């Protein structure tokens, strides 16, 4: 069994919190003037993060089959952390039957970009497979890559980002600076996206977004940390 705490630390970016401190303002007709809609808009434009968050929530509540389904959906959008979670769940038989060759294929996919943490797990999987399992892992990997590999998943994600960027460009909101999105990094550290960064090209331009992901995952600092549970911070009421 892989060190579960270490694995959860590697996948800590699954744990997002959305915090809003909107200033008092009268109700507006434009949906983008609602900070809750802004948060939904951000995640709607980032299905990799959205489905990963839902997968982690389902996992935390013991809904293993739902969790696996969400991680697979996130995997369609080139989310390497979710692909690693699919591999881990297949390896341990969580929400599905144990399938070690297929688990290896998924972990190999998660390590496709050379992310050091996932490479380590991939090699640990490989060492535990017998020759017949290794042969099947290679065969299974062809179908996995055909549907979820970067060659097809990154263009899929890029199309969503471009469409979402066109929808948020030119927003007339007056409180973008009050929006804060907080994510936990690979070693449990906080990564903040405040409102002034909401339109930052790194979150909407496909190439910059991929580079941002690489900066987080390529050489993660991993330790024995307790990353905690998913947290949604309360929204302040006007005047609070």
Foldseek 3Di string as FASTA:
>chain_A
DPDPLLLCLQLQLLFKAWAFADADDDDDPPLVQDVVVVVVLLCQLQLLSVLSNVLQVCVVVLVQLSSLVSLVRSLLQVNLSSLLVNLVCLCVVGNHHNQLLCSLLSLCQSCVVPQPVSVVVSVVSVVPDDPVSPVVSVVNNVVVCVRRHCVRNLVVSLVSLQVSLVVPPPDPHPVLQRIKMWGAASALHIDIQGSVCSNPVLSRHSVSVVVVVCVRGRHHDTDSDDNDGHDYDDYDDHPD
